[in-house]
Amino acid sequence: MTTPCVVIATFSPLQGELEAVREVLTAIIPEVHQEEGCELYSLHEEVDGKLTIIEMWSTRELWQAHIALDTVKRIQAGVAGRLENDVEVWEMYGIPAGDATKGAL
């Protein structure tokens, strides 16, 4: 696909592990920002304590390449044993509607 790939990845830290998971993610994010195709890689904290990364990649192929890189392996290793369940990941593609600056990432 040639349209930007938007990805939502949610991490559900175990009780007492929020800070540790946040530190793992914030330490690696600057490196991800340098990866080819990374247009957005932004960490957010949900009101229930989950951490969500909102990502946008130039293409699906570049997102798939990102998944195979060391940065993702280091995130996986860093959060191992600190999450209630597996990271939830949603891959999606925008459907532009309305104002072009507000209707799509």
PDB file of N, CA and C in Angstrom:
ATOM      1  N   MET A   1       0.834  -1.188   0.000  1.00  0.00           N
ATOM      2  CA  MET A   1       0.000   0.000   0.000  1.00  0.00           C
ATOM      3  C   MET A   1       0.873   1.244   0.000  1.00  0.00           C
ATOM      4  N   THR A   2       0.416   2.262  -0.685  1.00  0.00           N
ATOM      5  CA  THR A   2       1.181   3.504  -0.727  1.00  0.00           C
ATOM      6  C   THR A   2       0.603   4.574   0.185  1.00  0.00           C
ATOM      7  N   THR A   3      -0.545   4.326   0.796  1.00  0.00           N
ATOM      8  CA  THR A   3      -1.095   5.288   1.749  1.00  0.00           C
ATOM      9  C   THR A   3      -0.425   5.085   3.098  1.00  0.00           C
ATOM     10  N   PRO A   4      -0.350   6.148   3.908  1.00  0.00           N
ATOM     11  CA  PRO A   4       0.283   6.001   5.217  1.00  0.00           C
ATOM     12  C   PRO A   4      -0.400   4.935   6.066  1.00  0.00           C
ATOM     13  N   CYS A   5       0.421   4.223   6.797  1.00  0.00           N
ATOM     14  CA  CYS A   5      -0.028   3.166   7.695  1.00  0.00           C
ATOM     15  C   CYS A   5      -0.080   3.751   9.109  1.00  0.00           C
ATOM     16  N   VAL A   6      -1.257   3.717   9.724  1.00  0.00           N
ATOM     17  CA  VAL A   6      -1.431   4.198  11.088  1.00  0.00           C
ATOM     18  C   VAL A   6      -1.537   2.982  11.999  1.00  0.00           C
ATOM     19  N   VAL A   7      -0.797   3.013  13.094  1.00  0.00           N
ATOM     20  CA  VAL A   7      -0.758   1.883  14.015  1.00  0.00           C
ATOM     21  C   VAL A   7      -1.000   2.409  15.426  1.00  0.00           C
ATOM     22  N   ILE A   8      -1.821   1.689  16.155  1.00  0.00           N
ATOM     23  CA  ILE A   8      -2.051   1.969  17.569  1.00  0.00           C
ATOM     24  C   ILE A   8      -1.549   0.747  18.332  1.00  0.00           C
ATOM     25  N   ALA A   9      -0.648   0.953  19.273  1.00  0.00           N
ATOM     26  CA  ALA A   9      -0.105  -0.145  20.089  1.00  0.00           C
ATOM     27  C   ALA A   9      -0.322   0.197  21.563  1.00  0.00           C
ATOM     28  N   THR A  10      -1.050  -0.674  22.269  1.00  0.00           N
ATOM     29  CA  THR A  10      -1.385  -0.406  23.668  1.00  0.00           C
ATOM     30  C   THR A  10      -0.691  -1.404  24.591  1.00  0.00           C
ATOM     31  N   PHE A  11      -0.049  -0.857  25.611  1.00  0.00           N
ATOM     32  CA  PHE A  11       0.675  -1.624  26.617  1.00  0.00           C
ATOM     33  C   PHE A  11      -0.096  -1.504  27.932  1.00  0.00           C
ATOM     34  N   SER A  12      -0.381  -2.629  28.590  1.00  0.00           N
ATOM     35  CA  SER A  12      -1.110  -2.649  29.860  1.00  0.00           C
ATOM     36  C   SER A  12      -0.174  -3.107  30.970  1.00  0.00           C
ATOM     37  N   PRO A  13       0.516  -2.158  31.625  1.00  0.00           N
ATOM     38  CA  PRO A  13       1.473  -2.542  32.661  1.00  0.00           C
ATOM     39  C   PRO A  13       0.818  -3.203  33.869  1.00  0.00           C
ATOM     40  N   LEU A  14       1.537  -4.148  34.440  1.00  0.00           N
ATOM     41  CA  LEU A  14       1.131  -4.745  35.704  1.00  0.00           C
ATOM     42  C   LEU A  14       1.176  -3.682  36.798  1.00  0.00           C
ATOM     43  N   GLN A  15       0.454  -3.927  37.878  1.00  0.00           N
ATOM     44  CA  GLN A  15       0.485  -3.027  39.029  1.00  0.00           C
ATOM     45  C   GLN A  15       1.942  -2.778  39.428  1.00  0.00           C
ATOM     46  N   GLY A  16       2.322  -1.531  39.554  1.00  0.00           N
ATOM     47  CA  GLY A  16       3.670  -1.169  39.973  1.00  0.00           C
ATOM     48  C   GLY A  16       4.707  -1.131  38.858  1.00  0.00           C
ATOM     49  N   GLU A  17       4.322  -1.436  37.632  1.00  0.00           N
ATOM     50  CA  GLU A  17       5.285  -1.480  36.525  1.00  0.00           C
ATOM     51  C   GLU A  17       5.127  -0.326  35.530  1.00  0.00           C
ATOM     52  N   LEU A  18       4.187   0.578  35.780  1.00  0.00           N
ATOM     53  CA  LEU A  18       3.941   1.678  34.833  1.00  0.00           C
ATOM     54  C   LEU A  18       5.203   2.485  34.547  1.00  0.00           C
ATOM     55  N   GLU A  19       5.893   2.907  35.579  1.00  0.00           N
ATOM     56  CA  GLU A  19       7.093   3.734  35.390  1.00  0.00           C
ATOM     57  C   GLU A  19       8.169   2.985  34.606  1.00  0.00           C
ATOM     58  N   ALA A  20       8.367   1.718  34.914  1.00  0.00           N
ATOM     59  CA  ALA A  20       9.390   0.927  34.228  1.00  0.00           C
ATOM     60  C   ALA A  20       9.063   0.787  32.740  1.00  0.00           C
ATOM     61  N   VAL A  21       7.794   0.509  32.425  1.00  0.00           N
ATOM     62  CA  VAL A  21       7.394   0.372  31.024  1.00  0.00           C
ATOM     63  C   VAL A  21       7.532   1.715  30.314  1.00  0.00           C
ATOM     64  N   ARG A  22       7.107   2.795  30.966  1.00  0.00           N
ATOM     65  CA  ARG A  22       7.244   4.134  30.384  1.00  0.00           C
ATOM     66  C   ARG A  22       8.711   4.444  30.088  1.00  0.00           C
ATOM     67  N   GLU A  23       9.602   4.104  31.004  1.00  0.00           N
ATOM     68  CA  GLU A  23      11.033   4.372  30.800  1.00  0.00           C
ATOM     69  C   GLU A  23      11.585   3.591  29.618  1.00  0.00           C
ATOM     70  N   VAL A  24      11.191   2.337  29.470  1.00  0.00           N
ATOM     71  CA  VAL A  24      11.632   1.531  28.325  1.00  0.00           C
ATOM     72  C   VAL A  24      11.220   2.223  27.029  1.00  0.00           C
ATOM     73  N   LEU A  25       9.960   2.617  26.953  1.00  0.00           N
ATOM     74  CA  LEU A  25       9.445   3.218  25.722  1.00  0.00           C
ATOM     75  C   LEU A  25      10.074   4.576  25.436  1.00  0.00           C
ATOM     76  N   THR A  26      10.151   5.442  26.437  1.00  0.00           N
ATOM     77  CA  THR A  26      10.693   6.782  26.186  1.00  0.00           C
ATOM     78  C   THR A  26      12.176   6.749  25.844  1.00  0.00           C
ATOM     79  N   ALA A  27      12.895   5.748  26.312  1.00  0.00           N
ATOM     80  CA  ALA A  27      14.320   5.640  25.985  1.00  0.00           C
ATOM     81  C   ALA A  27      14.542   5.273  24.514  1.00  0.00           C
ATOM     82  N   ILE A  28      13.617   4.516  23.942  1.00  0.00           N
ATOM     83  CA  ILE A  28      13.806   3.999  22.581  1.00  0.00           C
ATOM     84  C   ILE A  28      13.129   4.878  21.524  1.00  0.00           C
ATOM     85  N   ILE A  29      12.127   5.646  21.914  1.00  0.00           N
ATOM     86  CA  ILE A  29      11.385   6.462  20.949  1.00  0.00           C
ATOM     87  C   ILE A  29      12.279   7.364  20.098  1.00  0.00           C
ATOM     88  N   PRO A  30      13.274   8.061  20.649  1.00  0.00           N
ATOM     89  CA  PRO A  30      14.106   8.909  19.782  1.00  0.00           C
ATOM     90  C   PRO A  30      14.786   8.135  18.646  1.00  0.00           C
ATOM     91  N   GLU A  31      15.145   6.889  18.901  1.00  0.00           N
ATOM     92  CA  GLU A  31      15.744   6.064  17.844  1.00  0.00           C
ATOM     93  C   GLU A  31      14.716   5.714  16.771  1.00  0.00           C
ATOM     94  N   VAL A  32      13.505   5.402  17.202  1.00  0.00           N
ATOM     95  CA  VAL A  32      12.446   5.065  16.240  1.00  0.00           C
ATOM     96  C   VAL A  32      12.164   6.264  15.346  1.00  0.00           C
ATOM     97  N   HIS A  33      12.213   7.470  15.908  1.00  0.00           N
ATOM     98  CA  HIS A  33      11.973   8.677  15.112  1.00  0.00           C
ATOM     99  C   HIS A  33      12.950   8.796  13.938  1.00  0.00           C
ATOM    100  N   GLN A  34      14.104   8.176  14.042  1.00  0.00           N
ATOM    101  CA  GLN A  34      15.119   8.235  12.975  1.00  0.00           C
ATOM    102  C   GLN A  34      14.943   7.141  11.923  1.00  0.00           C
ATOM    103  N   GLU A  35      14.049   6.200  12.154  1.00  0.00           N
ATOM    104  CA  GLU A  35      13.862   5.092  11.219  1.00  0.00           C
ATOM    105  C   GLU A  35      13.194   5.580   9.933  1.00  0.00           C
ATOM    106  N   GLU A  36      13.566   4.957   8.837  1.00  0.00           N
ATOM    107  CA  GLU A  36      12.987   5.305   7.545  1.00  0.00           C
ATOM    108  C   GLU A  36      11.475   5.109   7.569  1.00  0.00           C
ATOM    109  N   GLY A  37      10.753   6.112   7.120  1.00  0.00           N
ATOM    110  CA  GLY A  37       9.308   6.023   7.012  1.00  0.00           C
ATOM    111  C   GLY A  37       8.535   6.445   8.239  1.00  0.00           C
ATOM    112  N   CYS A  38       9.218   6.695   9.360  1.00  0.00           N
ATOM    113  CA  CYS A  38       8.516   7.094  10.585  1.00  0.00           C
ATOM    114  C   CYS A  38       8.051   8.541  10.451  1.00  0.00           C
ATOM    115  N   GLU A  39       6.745   8.736  10.432  1.00  0.00           N
ATOM    116  CA  GLU A  39       6.167  10.074  10.364  1.00  0.00           C
ATOM    117  C   GLU A  39       5.628  10.520  11.714  1.00  0.00           C
ATOM    118  N   LEU A  40       5.264   9.556  12.551  1.00  0.00           N
ATOM    119  CA  LEU A  40       4.753   9.842  13.891  1.00  0.00           C
ATOM    120  C   LEU A  40       4.967   8.612  14.758  1.00  0.00           C
ATOM    121  N   TYR A  41       5.468   8.829  15.949  1.00  0.00           N
ATOM    122  CA  TYR A  41       5.633   7.754  16.931  1.00  0.00           C
ATOM    123  C   TYR A  41       5.519   8.442  18.277  1.00  0.00           C
ATOM    124  N   SER A  42       4.316   8.467  18.822  1.00  0.00           N
ATOM    125  CA  SER A  42       3.990   9.332  19.947  1.00  0.00           C
ATOM    126  C   SER A  42       3.365   8.531  21.091  1.00  0.00           C
ATOM    127  N   LEU A  43       3.941   8.658  22.286  1.00  0.00           N
ATOM    128  CA  LEU A  43       3.486   7.921  23.463  1.00  0.00           C
ATOM    129  C   LEU A  43       2.436   8.724  24.226  1.00  0.00           C
ATOM    130  N   HIS A  44       1.366   8.031  24.639  1.00  0.00           N
ATOM    131  CA  HIS A  44       0.289   8.653  25.408  1.00  0.00           C
ATOM    132  C   HIS A  44      -0.067   7.745  26.578  1.00  0.00           C
ATOM    133  N   GLU A  45      -0.463   8.381  27.691  1.00  0.00           N
ATOM    134  CA  GLU A  45      -0.921   7.613  28.844  1.00  0.00           C
ATOM    135  C   GLU A  45      -2.435   7.728  28.941  1.00  0.00           C
ATOM    136  N   GLU A  46      -3.099   6.581  28.984  1.00  0.00           N
ATOM    137  CA  GLU A  46      -4.549   6.565  29.113  1.00  0.00           C
ATOM    138  C   GLU A  46      -4.922   6.805  30.575  1.00  0.00           C
ATOM    139  N   VAL A  47      -6.151   7.209  30.818  1.00  0.00           N
ATOM    140  CA  VAL A  47      -6.584   7.512  32.183  1.00  0.00           C
ATOM    141  C   VAL A  47      -6.571   6.277  33.082  1.00  0.00           C
ATOM    142  N   ASP A  48      -6.614   5.089  32.492  1.00  0.00           N
ATOM    143  CA  ASP A  48      -6.593   3.859  33.294  1.00  0.00           C
ATOM    144  C   ASP A  48      -5.178   3.318  33.509  1.00  0.00           C
ATOM    145  N   GLY A  49      -4.155   4.074  33.074  1.00  0.00           N
ATOM    146  CA  GLY A  49      -2.776   3.663  33.300  1.00  0.00           C
ATOM    147  C   GLY A  49      -2.144   2.893  32.165  1.00  0.00           C
ATOM    148  N   LYS A  50      -2.900   2.597  31.112  1.00  0.00           N
ATOM    149  CA  LYS A  50      -2.304   1.953  29.942  1.00  0.00           C
ATOM    150  C   LYS A  50      -1.468   2.977  29.193  1.00  0.00           C
ATOM    151  N   LEU A  51      -0.484   2.494  28.468  1.00  0.00           N
ATOM    152  CA  LEU A  51       0.344   3.349  27.621  1.00  0.00           C
ATOM    153  C   LEU A  51       0.065   2.992  26.165  1.00  0.00           C
ATOM    154  N   THR A  52      -0.154   4.005  25.351  1.00  0.00           N
ATOM    155  CA  THR A  52      -0.480   3.784  23.952  1.00  0.00           C
ATOM    156  C   THR A  52       0.469   4.573  23.066  1.00  0.00           C
ATOM    157  N   ILE A  53       1.007   3.884  22.077  1.00  0.00           N
ATOM    158  CA  ILE A  53       1.822   4.556  21.072  1.00  0.00           C
ATOM    159  C   ILE A  53       0.971   4.694  19.819  1.00  0.00           C
ATOM    160  N   ILE A  54       0.878   5.918  19.334  1.00  0.00           N
ATOM    161  CA  ILE A  54       0.210   6.193  18.069  1.00  0.00           C
ATOM    162  C   ILE A  54       1.323   6.395  17.044  1.00  0.00           C
ATOM    163  N   GLU A  55       1.285   5.582  15.998  1.00  0.00           N
ATOM    164  CA  GLU A  55       2.343   5.583  14.982  1.00  0.00           C
ATOM    165  C   GLU A  55       1.767   5.910  13.614  1.00  0.00           C
ATOM    166  N   MET A  56       2.587   6.517  12.768  1.00  0.00           N
ATOM    167  CA  MET A  56       2.241   6.646  11.362  1.00  0.00           C
ATOM    168  C   MET A  56       3.518   6.426  10.561  1.00  0.00           C
ATOM    169  N   TRP A  57       3.401   5.530   9.588  1.00  0.00           N
ATOM    170  CA  TRP A  57       4.513   5.157   8.725  1.00  0.00           C
ATOM    171  C   TRP A  57       4.153   5.500   7.285  1.00  0.00           C
ATOM    172  N   SER A  58       5.136   5.900   6.501  1.00  0.00           N
ATOM    173  CA  SER A  58       4.894   6.299   5.113  1.00  0.00           C
ATOM    174  C   SER A  58       4.187   5.218   4.315  1.00  0.00           C
ATOM    175  N   THR A  59       4.555   3.967   4.571  1.00  0.00           N
ATOM    176  CA  THR A  59       3.939   2.835   3.879  1.00  0.00           C
ATOM    177  C   THR A  59       3.856   1.648   4.831  1.00  0.00           C
ATOM    178  N   ARG A  60       3.025   0.694   4.481  1.00  0.00           N
ATOM    179  CA  ARG A  60       2.924  -0.527   5.270  1.00  0.00           C
ATOM    180  C   ARG A  60       4.262  -1.265   5.263  1.00  0.00           C
ATOM    181  N   GLU A  61       4.929  -1.263   4.130  1.00  0.00           N
ATOM    182  CA  GLU A  61       6.212  -1.966   4.013  1.00  0.00           C
ATOM    183  C   GLU A  61       7.244  -1.405   4.983  1.00  0.00           C
ATOM    184  N   LEU A  62       7.274  -0.068   5.157  1.00  0.00           N
ATOM    185  CA  LEU A  62       8.229   0.518   6.094  1.00  0.00           C
ATOM    186  C   LEU A  62       7.840   0.235   7.544  1.00  0.00           C
ATOM    187  N   TRP A  63       6.537   0.131   7.833  1.00  0.00           N
ATOM    188  CA  TRP A  63       6.123  -0.279   9.174  1.00  0.00           C
ATOM    189  C   TRP A  63       6.558  -1.724   9.430  1.00  0.00           C
ATOM    190  N   GLN A  64       6.370  -2.592   8.437  1.00  0.00           N
ATOM    191  CA  GLN A  64       6.787  -3.983   8.578  1.00  0.00           C
ATOM    192  C   GLN A  64       8.301  -4.078   8.786  1.00  0.00           C
ATOM    193  N   ALA A  65       9.060  -3.228   8.102  1.00  0.00           N
ATOM    194  CA  ALA A  65      10.518  -3.210   8.292  1.00  0.00           C
ATOM    195  C   ALA A  65      10.853  -2.785   9.726  1.00  0.00           C
ATOM    196  N   HIS A  66      10.121  -1.807  10.243  1.00  0.00           N
ATOM    197  CA  HIS A  66      10.320  -1.339  11.625  1.00  0.00           C
ATOM    198  C   HIS A  66      10.141  -2.486  12.622  1.00  0.00           C
ATOM    199  N   ILE A  67       9.132  -3.313  12.387  1.00  0.00           N
ATOM    200  CA  ILE A  67       8.838  -4.421  13.305  1.00  0.00           C
ATOM    201  C   ILE A  67      10.027  -5.375  13.443  1.00  0.00           C
ATOM    202  N   ALA A  68      10.825  -5.485  12.393  1.00  0.00           N
ATOM    203  CA  ALA A  68      11.958  -6.423  12.399  1.00  0.00           C
ATOM    204  C   ALA A  68      13.235  -5.813  12.975  1.00  0.00           C
ATOM    205  N   LEU A  69      13.220  -4.530  13.300  1.00  0.00           N
ATOM    206  CA  LEU A  69      14.434  -3.856  13.758  1.00  0.00           C
ATOM    207  C   LEU A  69      14.728  -4.091  15.236  1.00  0.00           C
ATOM    208  N   ASP A  70      15.944  -3.764  15.614  1.00  0.00           N
ATOM    209  CA  ASP A  70      16.421  -3.914  16.982  1.00  0.00           C
ATOM    210  C   ASP A  70      15.602  -3.089  17.974  1.00  0.00           C
ATOM    211  N   THR A  71      15.111  -1.925  17.564  1.00  0.00           N
ATOM    212  CA  THR A  71      14.346  -1.094  18.498  1.00  0.00           C
ATOM    213  C   THR A  71      13.118  -1.841  19.012  1.00  0.00           C
ATOM    214  N   VAL A  72      12.417  -2.529  18.139  1.00  0.00           N
ATOM    215  CA  VAL A  72      11.229  -3.286  18.555  1.00  0.00           C
ATOM    216  C   VAL A  72      11.637  -4.470  19.433  1.00  0.00           C
ATOM    217  N   LYS A  73      12.722  -5.130  19.082  1.00  0.00           N
ATOM    218  CA  LYS A  73      13.195  -6.252  19.909  1.00  0.00           C
ATOM    219  C   LYS A  73      13.565  -5.770  21.314  1.00  0.00           C
ATOM    220  N   ARG A  74      14.159  -4.590  21.410  1.00  0.00           N
ATOM    221  CA  ARG A  74      14.522  -4.037  22.719  1.00  0.00           C
ATOM    222  C   ARG A  74      13.291  -3.630  23.517  1.00  0.00           C
ATOM    223  N   ILE A  75      12.276  -3.112  22.842  1.00  0.00           N
ATOM    224  CA  ILE A  75      11.021  -2.809  23.546  1.00  0.00           C
ATOM    225  C   ILE A  75      10.421  -4.098  24.082  1.00  0.00           C
ATOM    226  N   GLN A  76      10.352  -5.115  23.248  1.00  0.00           N
ATOM    227  CA  GLN A  76       9.781  -6.395  23.674  1.00  0.00           C
ATOM    228  C   GLN A  76      10.532  -6.963  24.877  1.00  0.00           C
ATOM    229  N   ALA A  77      11.852  -6.915  24.830  1.00  0.00           N
ATOM    230  CA  ALA A  77      12.657  -7.431  25.947  1.00  0.00           C
ATOM    231  C   ALA A  77      12.460  -6.582  27.206  1.00  0.00           C
ATOM    232  N   GLY A  78      12.378  -5.266  27.023  1.00  0.00           N
ATOM    233  CA  GLY A  78      12.254  -4.365  28.160  1.00  0.00           C
ATOM    234  C   GLY A  78      10.919  -4.453  28.887  1.00  0.00           C
ATOM    235  N   VAL A  79       9.860  -4.816  28.166  1.00  0.00           N
ATOM    236  CA  VAL A  79       8.543  -4.905  28.811  1.00  0.00           C
ATOM    237  C   VAL A  79       8.179  -6.336  29.198  1.00  0.00           C
ATOM    238  N   ALA A  80       9.009  -7.293  28.828  1.00  0.00           N
ATOM    239  CA  ALA A  80       8.728  -8.701  29.142  1.00  0.00           C
ATOM    240  C   ALA A  80       8.536  -8.875  30.652  1.00  0.00           C
ATOM    241  N   GLY A  81       7.445  -9.522  31.030  1.00  0.00           N
ATOM    242  CA  GLY A  81       7.148  -9.763  32.435  1.00  0.00           C
ATOM    243  C   GLY A  81       6.564  -8.575  33.163  1.00  0.00           C
ATOM    244  N   ARG A  82       6.357  -7.463  32.452  1.00  0.00           N
ATOM    245  CA  ARG A  82       5.841  -6.239  33.079  1.00  0.00           C
ATOM    246  C   ARG A  82       4.432  -5.877  32.612  1.00  0.00           C
ATOM    247  N   LEU A  83       3.843  -6.725  31.765  1.00  0.00           N
ATOM    248  CA  LEU A  83       2.531  -6.412  31.200  1.00  0.00           C
ATOM    249  C   LEU A  83       1.489  -7.432  31.631  1.00  0.00           C
ATOM    250  N   GLU A  84       0.243  -6.961  31.745  1.00  0.00           N
ATOM    251  CA  GLU A  84      -0.871  -7.845  32.092  1.00  0.00           C
ATOM    252  C   GLU A  84      -1.178  -8.822  30.964  1.00  0.00           C
ATOM    253  N   ASN A  85      -0.958  -8.396  29.725  1.00  0.00           N
ATOM    254  CA  ASN A  85      -1.226  -9.229  28.556  1.00  0.00           C
ATOM    255  C   ASN A  85      -0.351  -8.762  27.397  1.00  0.00           C
ATOM    256  N   ASP A  86      -0.458  -9.437  26.276  1.00  0.00           N
ATOM    257  CA  ASP A  86       0.317  -9.049  25.104  1.00  0.00           C
ATOM    258  C   ASP A  86      -0.041  -7.631  24.674  1.00  0.00           C
ATOM    259  N   VAL A  87       0.903  -6.981  24.040  1.00  0.00           N
ATOM    260  CA  VAL A  87       0.646  -5.656  23.479  1.00  0.00           C
ATOM    261  C   VAL A  87      -0.451  -5.796  22.427  1.00  0.00           C
ATOM    262  N   GLU A  88      -1.439  -4.910  22.499  1.00  0.00           N
ATOM    263  CA  GLU A  88      -2.513  -4.908  21.510  1.00  0.00           C
ATOM    264  C   GLU A  88      -2.112  -3.963  20.383  1.00  0.00           C
ATOM    265  N   VAL A  89      -2.196  -4.449  19.137  1.00  0.00           N
ATOM    266  CA  VAL A  89      -1.765  -3.658  17.984  1.00  0.00           C
ATOM    267  C   VAL A  89      -2.878  -3.627  16.947  1.00  0.00           C
ATOM    268  N   TRP A  90      -3.188  -2.418  16.487  1.00  0.00           N
ATOM    269  CA  TRP A  90      -4.177  -2.231  15.425  1.00  0.00           C
ATOM    270  C   TRP A  90      -3.504  -1.506  14.267  1.00  0.00           C
ATOM    271  N   GLU A  91      -3.612  -2.073  13.085  1.00  0.00           N
ATOM    272  CA  GLU A  91      -3.084  -1.482  11.846  1.00  0.00           C
ATOM    273  C   GLU A  91      -4.266  -0.929  11.070  1.00  0.00           C
ATOM    274  N   MET A  92      -4.156   0.314  10.604  1.00  0.00           N
ATOM    275  CA  MET A  92      -5.285   0.919   9.892  1.00  0.00           C
ATOM    276  C   MET A  92      -4.826   1.939   8.858  1.00  0.00           C
ATOM    277  N   TYR A  93      -5.761   2.304   7.992  1.00  0.00           N
ATOM    278  CA  TYR A  93      -5.496   3.244   6.911  1.00  0.00           C
ATOM    279  C   TYR A  93      -6.610   4.271   6.875  1.00  0.00           C
ATOM    280  N   GLY A  94      -6.233   5.546   6.824  1.00  0.00           N
ATOM    281  CA  GLY A  94      -7.197   6.632   6.895  1.00  0.00           C
ATOM    282  C   GLY A  94      -8.132   6.710   5.702  1.00  0.00           C
ATOM    283  N   ILE A  95      -9.327   7.187   5.979  1.00  0.00           N
ATOM    284  CA  ILE A  95     -10.313   7.480   4.945  1.00  0.00           C
ATOM    285  C   ILE A  95     -10.552   8.986   5.047  1.00  0.00           C
ATOM    286  N   PRO A  96      -9.901   9.773   4.181  1.00  0.00           N
ATOM    287  CA  PRO A  96     -10.045  11.226   4.272  1.00  0.00           C
ATOM    288  C   PRO A  96     -11.512  11.658   4.161  1.00  0.00           C
ATOM    289  N   ALA A  97     -11.895  12.577   5.018  1.00  0.00           N
ATOM    290  CA  ALA A  97     -13.242  13.135   5.003  1.00  0.00           C
ATOM    291  C   ALA A  97     -13.195  14.517   5.615  1.00  0.00           C
ATOM    292  N   GLY A  98     -14.005  15.404   5.125  1.00  0.00           N
ATOM    293  CA  GLY A  98     -14.058  16.755   5.680  1.00  0.00           C
ATOM    294  C   GLY A  98     -12.803  17.548   5.360  1.00  0.00           C
ATOM    295  N   ASP A  99     -12.407  18.411   6.276  1.00  0.00           N
ATOM    296  CA  ASP A  99     -11.237  19.266   6.135  1.00  0.00           C
ATOM    297  C   ASP A  99      -9.989  18.405   6.010  1.00  0.00           C
ATOM    298  N   ALA A 100      -9.207  18.616   4.954  1.00  0.00           N
ATOM    299  CA  ALA A 100      -8.020  17.789   4.701  1.00  0.00           C
ATOM    300  C   ALA A 100      -7.007  17.844   5.836  1.00  0.00           C
ATOM    301  N   THR A 101      -6.954  18.957   6.594  1.00  0.00           N
ATOM    302  CA  THR A 101      -5.990  19.068   7.690  1.00  0.00           C
ATOM    303  C   THR A 101      -6.508  18.447   8.975  1.00  0.00           C
ATOM    304  N   LYS A 102      -7.813  18.185   9.052  1.00  0.00           N
ATOM    305  CA  LYS A 102      -8.385  17.632  10.277  1.00  0.00           C
ATOM    306  C   LYS A 102      -9.007  16.257  10.070  1.00  0.00           C
ATOM    307  N   GLY A 103      -9.164  15.840   8.823  1.00  0.00           N
ATOM    308  CA  GLY A 103      -9.867  14.598   8.540  1.00  0.00           C
ATOM    309  C   GLY A 103      -8.988  13.393   8.320  1.00  0.00           C
ATOM    310  N   ALA A 104      -7.658  13.541   8.464  1.00  0.00           N
ATOM    311  CA  ALA A 104      -6.755  12.403   8.273  1.00  0.00           C
ATOM    312  C   ALA A 104      -5.431  12.695   8.964  1.00  0.00           C
ATOM    313  N   LEU A 105      -4.770  11.636   9.407  1.00  0.00           N
ATOM    314  CA  LEU A 105      -3.412  11.788   9.951  1.00  0.00           C
ATOM    315  C   LEU A 105      -2.450  11.908   8.811  1.00  0.00           C
TER     316      LEU A 105
END
